[in-house]
Amino acid sequence: MSKLEILGRHTSYNVQKVLWLADELNIEYTHTQIGGRFGGTDSSEFLRMNPMGKVPVLRHGANVICESNTIVRYLAASFAAESWMGTTPFERSLRERWMDWSIGNLEPAFVGVFWGFYRTPADKRHRKSIESSVKACEICLRQLDNQLGNNHFLLGSVPSLADIATGVFLHRLWEIELAIEFPDNVRNWYDELSKRPGYKRWAMSDFAELANRTGY
């Protein structure tokens, strides 16, 4: 099997998606800390892999893959397509619609909260902007709540890429000191994710070093 290397700081939620899924798939990999306090994203070697200078990056033998949702698709297709991606185009679309939704809806709301509040010093925060982002997050959480129904995961009784792309944000929204309403189904879902070793190891890892840090 070709060597698999995941590059990116573990405090990046986009890197956490990849590390979490790799653990779920029981893949052997190496993890190289790059970005943030580790530096390295502006090196010539890294920029050859990803000219955008962003993490994560996956190296799988001679293949180099960038963008977190693209990487998790690649891993699922390479190692466990049926259970994580589905077996038909329609089943894949059910997963990918939530992956697309997470980029267009949940992530911007999350960034407005996490960067606007947690990563910005108190004297520089914009209260109205944060309040608006909290409301946007709560709208997203209600939409997730409607999708979950009585299911353990977004698409039923087992996790999929839909859960990877969206669930990675829950821990930080729960932990930061803001009154963000978690509907019952979302709270139960978060409890389910919290039992999974890969989620606990990566998505629930300590992020205190990011407090009041406005740069990457």
Protein backbone atom coordinates (compact mmCIF):
# COMPACT_ATOMS: atom_id res chain seq x y z
CA MET A 1 0.00 0.00 0.00
CA SER A 2 1.27 3.48 -0.85
CA LYS A 3 2.35 5.65 2.04
CA LEU A 4 -0.30 8.07 3.21
CA GLU A 5 0.63 11.36 4.87
CA ILE A 6 -1.74 14.02 6.23
CA LEU A 7 -0.24 17.49 6.48
CA GLY A 8 -1.79 20.20 8.61
CA ARG A 9 -2.04 21.46 12.18
CA HIS A 10 -4.39 19.42 14.34
CA THR A 11 -6.19 22.56 15.57
CA SER A 12 -7.57 23.24 12.08
CA TYR A 13 -11.14 21.96 11.81
CA ASN A 14 -10.52 21.18 8.13
CA VAL A 15 -7.53 19.03 9.05
CA GLN A 16 -9.61 17.40 11.79
CA LYS A 17 -12.12 16.18 9.19
CA VAL A 18 -9.36 14.27 7.44
CA LEU A 19 -7.74 12.88 10.59
CA TRP A 20 -11.10 11.84 12.02
CA LEU A 21 -12.10 9.98 8.87
CA ALA A 22 -8.67 8.33 8.57
CA ASP A 23 -9.13 6.96 12.08
CA GLU A 24 -12.67 5.82 11.28
CA LEU A 25 -11.32 3.94 8.26
CA ASN A 26 -8.49 2.44 10.31
CA ILE A 27 -5.94 3.65 7.77
CA GLU A 28 -2.26 3.69 8.54
CA TYR A 29 -0.95 7.21 8.04
CA THR A 30 1.60 9.70 9.24
CA HIS A 31 0.59 13.15 10.42
CA THR A 32 2.83 16.17 9.90
CA GLN A 33 1.99 19.34 11.81
CA ILE A 34 2.08 22.30 9.40
CA GLY A 35 0.51 25.74 9.65
CA GLY A 36 -0.27 28.02 12.56
CA ARG A 37 2.43 27.94 15.22
CA PHE A 38 4.17 25.14 13.32
CA GLY A 39 4.67 27.26 10.18
CA GLY A 40 5.70 25.75 6.87
CA THR A 41 2.78 26.69 4.63
CA ASP A 42 4.88 29.31 2.85
CA SER A 43 7.76 26.96 2.07
CA SER A 44 8.50 26.21 -1.55
CA GLU A 45 7.96 22.49 -0.96
CA PHE A 46 4.49 23.03 0.52
CA LEU A 47 3.46 25.55 -2.13
CA ARG A 48 4.34 23.03 -4.82
CA MET A 49 1.78 20.71 -3.22
CA ASN A 50 -0.84 23.42 -2.65
CA PRO A 51 -0.24 26.81 -4.28
CA MET A 52 -2.99 28.24 -2.05
CA GLY A 53 -0.75 27.69 0.97
CA LYS A 54 -3.55 26.13 3.00
CA VAL A 55 -3.96 22.94 5.00
CA PRO A 56 -4.88 20.13 4.85
CA VAL A 57 -2.89 18.38 2.17
CA LEU A 58 -2.91 14.63 1.62
CA ARG A 59 -0.01 12.77 0.04
CA HIS A 60 -0.85 9.25 -1.06
CA GLY A 61 2.09 7.82 -2.90
CA ALA A 62 2.57 10.07 -5.92
CA ASN A 63 -0.90 11.64 -5.52
CA VAL A 64 -1.30 15.01 -3.83
CA ILE A 65 -4.83 16.08 -2.86
CA CYS A 66 -5.96 19.43 -1.42
CA GLU A 67 -9.20 20.84 0.05
CA SER A 68 -10.68 19.02 3.04
CA ASN A 69 -13.97 17.85 1.51
CA THR A 70 -12.14 16.66 -1.60
CA ILE A 71 -9.68 14.76 0.58
CA VAL A 72 -12.40 12.99 2.58
CA ARG A 73 -14.14 12.03 -0.66
CA TYR A 74 -10.85 10.64 -1.92
CA LEU A 75 -10.24 8.64 1.25
CA ALA A 76 -13.77 7.24 1.28
CA ALA A 77 -13.61 6.31 -2.41
CA SER A 78 -10.19 4.72 -1.94
CA PHE A 79 -10.80 2.76 1.25
CA ALA A 80 -14.51 2.43 2.08
CA ALA A 81 -16.80 3.73 -0.65
CA GLU A 82 -19.90 1.73 0.24
CA SER A 83 -20.18 2.57 3.91
CA TRP A 84 -19.15 6.22 3.79
CA MET A 85 -20.02 7.43 0.26
CA GLY A 86 -22.85 5.15 -0.77
CA THR A 87 -22.99 2.76 -3.70
CA THR A 88 -25.16 4.65 -6.21
CA PRO A 89 -25.02 8.18 -7.61
CA PHE A 90 -28.19 9.03 -5.67
CA GLU A 91 -26.77 7.72 -2.38
CA ARG A 92 -23.63 9.75 -2.97
CA SER A 93 -25.74 12.83 -3.66
CA LEU A 94 -27.41 12.48 -0.25
CA ARG A 95 -24.01 12.73 1.40
CA GLU A 96 -22.60 15.38 -0.87
CA ARG A 97 -25.56 17.73 -0.50
CA TRP A 98 -24.66 18.08 3.20
CA MET A 99 -20.99 18.51 2.34
CA ASP A 100 -21.90 21.34 -0.03
CA TRP A 101 -24.36 22.79 2.48
CA SER A 102 -21.69 22.80 5.18
CA ILE A 103 -19.40 24.95 3.00
CA GLY A 104 -22.11 27.37 1.92
CA ASN A 105 -24.10 27.68 5.15
CA LEU A 106 -22.72 26.15 8.33
CA GLU A 107 -19.05 27.01 7.91
CA PRO A 108 -19.56 30.75 7.27
CA ALA A 109 -21.84 30.98 10.31
CA PHE A 110 -19.35 29.03 12.41
CA VAL A 111 -16.44 31.21 11.29
CA GLY A 112 -18.39 34.33 12.22
CA VAL A 113 -18.82 32.94 15.73
CA PHE A 114 -15.47 31.27 16.29
CA TRP A 115 -13.26 33.89 14.69
CA GLY A 116 -15.46 36.82 15.63
CA PHE A 117 -15.70 35.82 19.28
CA TYR A 118 -13.13 33.23 20.35
CA ARG A 119 -10.20 34.21 18.17
CA THR A 120 -10.69 37.97 18.49
CA PRO A 121 -9.57 39.86 21.62
CA ALA A 122 -12.52 41.16 23.63
CA ASP A 123 -11.76 44.81 22.96
CA LYS A 124 -11.84 44.24 19.20
CA ARG A 125 -15.01 42.18 18.90
CA HIS A 126 -18.05 43.41 16.95
CA ARG A 127 -21.03 42.46 19.10
CA LYS A 128 -23.71 42.84 16.43
CA SER A 129 -21.71 40.77 13.95
CA ILE A 130 -21.25 38.01 16.51
CA GLU A 131 -24.95 38.06 17.40
CA SER A 132 -25.82 37.76 13.71
CA SER A 133 -23.47 34.79 13.32
CA VAL A 134 -24.93 33.09 16.41
CA LYS A 135 -28.40 33.40 14.87
CA ALA A 136 -27.10 31.97 11.58
CA CYS A 137 -25.55 29.04 13.46
CA GLU A 138 -28.81 28.37 15.27
CA ILE A 139 -30.69 28.33 11.96
CA CYS A 140 -28.20 25.76 10.66
CA LEU A 141 -28.52 23.68 13.83
CA ARG A 142 -32.31 23.64 13.47
CA GLN A 143 -31.94 22.46 9.87
CA LEU A 144 -29.66 19.68 11.07
CA ASP A 145 -32.16 18.86 13.82
CA ASN A 146 -34.91 18.44 11.23
CA GLN A 147 -32.73 16.14 9.17
CA LEU A 148 -31.71 14.01 12.13
CA GLY A 149 -35.20 13.17 13.31
CA ASN A 150 -34.79 10.08 15.50
CA ASN A 151 -31.65 8.93 13.71
CA HIS A 152 -28.27 8.57 15.37
CA PHE A 153 -26.58 10.18 12.33
CA LEU A 154 -27.60 12.46 9.49
CA LEU A 155 -28.49 9.71 7.05
CA GLY A 156 -29.57 6.96 9.40
CA SER A 157 -28.04 4.53 11.86
CA VAL A 158 -24.44 4.72 10.63
CA PRO A 159 -22.16 7.71 10.02
CA SER A 160 -21.25 8.97 6.56
CA LEU A 161 -19.31 11.79 4.96
CA ALA A 162 -22.29 14.02 5.74
CA ASP A 163 -21.47 13.65 9.44
CA ILE A 164 -17.76 14.26 8.89
CA ALA A 165 -18.32 17.51 6.99
CA THR A 166 -20.87 18.95 9.43
CA GLY A 167 -20.20 17.30 12.78
CA VAL A 168 -16.65 18.62 13.02
CA PHE A 169 -18.02 22.06 14.00
CA LEU A 170 -20.19 20.95 16.91
CA HIS A 171 -17.61 20.65 19.66
CA ARG A 172 -16.35 24.22 19.36
CA LEU A 173 -19.85 25.64 19.12
CA TRP A 174 -20.73 23.72 22.28
CA GLU A 175 -17.61 24.63 24.23
CA ILE A 176 -17.12 28.34 23.60
CA GLU A 177 -18.74 30.68 26.09
CA LEU A 178 -21.70 31.77 24.03
CA ALA A 179 -25.35 30.85 24.50
CA ILE A 180 -25.89 28.85 21.31
CA GLU A 181 -29.06 26.77 21.32
CA PHE A 182 -28.53 23.09 20.50
CA PRO A 183 -31.83 21.41 19.59
CA ASP A 184 -32.47 18.00 21.15
CA ASN A 185 -31.67 15.91 18.08
CA VAL A 186 -28.44 17.80 17.49
CA ARG A 187 -27.46 17.36 21.13
CA ASN A 188 -28.09 13.62 20.85
CA TRP A 189 -26.07 13.51 17.63
CA TYR A 190 -23.20 15.33 19.30
CA ASP A 191 -23.35 12.74 22.10
CA GLU A 192 -23.12 9.95 19.51
CA LEU A 193 -20.16 11.57 17.77
CA SER A 194 -18.44 12.11 21.11
CA LYS A 195 -18.36 8.34 21.65
CA ARG A 196 -16.34 7.76 18.49
CA PRO A 197 -12.59 7.54 19.15
CA GLY A 198 -11.59 9.51 16.04
CA TYR A 199 -13.97 12.35 16.84
CA LYS A 200 -12.88 12.47 20.45
CA ARG A 201 -9.19 12.41 19.51
CA TRP A 202 -9.31 15.12 16.84
CA ALA A 203 -12.52 17.19 16.79
CA MET A 204 -12.62 17.35 20.59
CA SER A 205 -8.93 18.14 21.01
CA ASP A 206 -7.85 21.20 22.99
CA PHE A 207 -8.10 24.42 20.96
CA ALA A 208 -7.16 26.87 23.73
CA GLU A 209 -4.05 27.99 21.84
CA LEU A 210 -6.35 29.69 19.31
CA ALA A 211 -7.93 32.05 21.83
CA ASN A 212 -7.42 35.71 20.91
CA ARG A 213 -5.27 34.63 17.96
CA THR A 214 -6.33 36.58 14.88
CA GLY A 215 -3.78 35.05 12.50
CA TYR A 216 -3.46 31.56 11.16
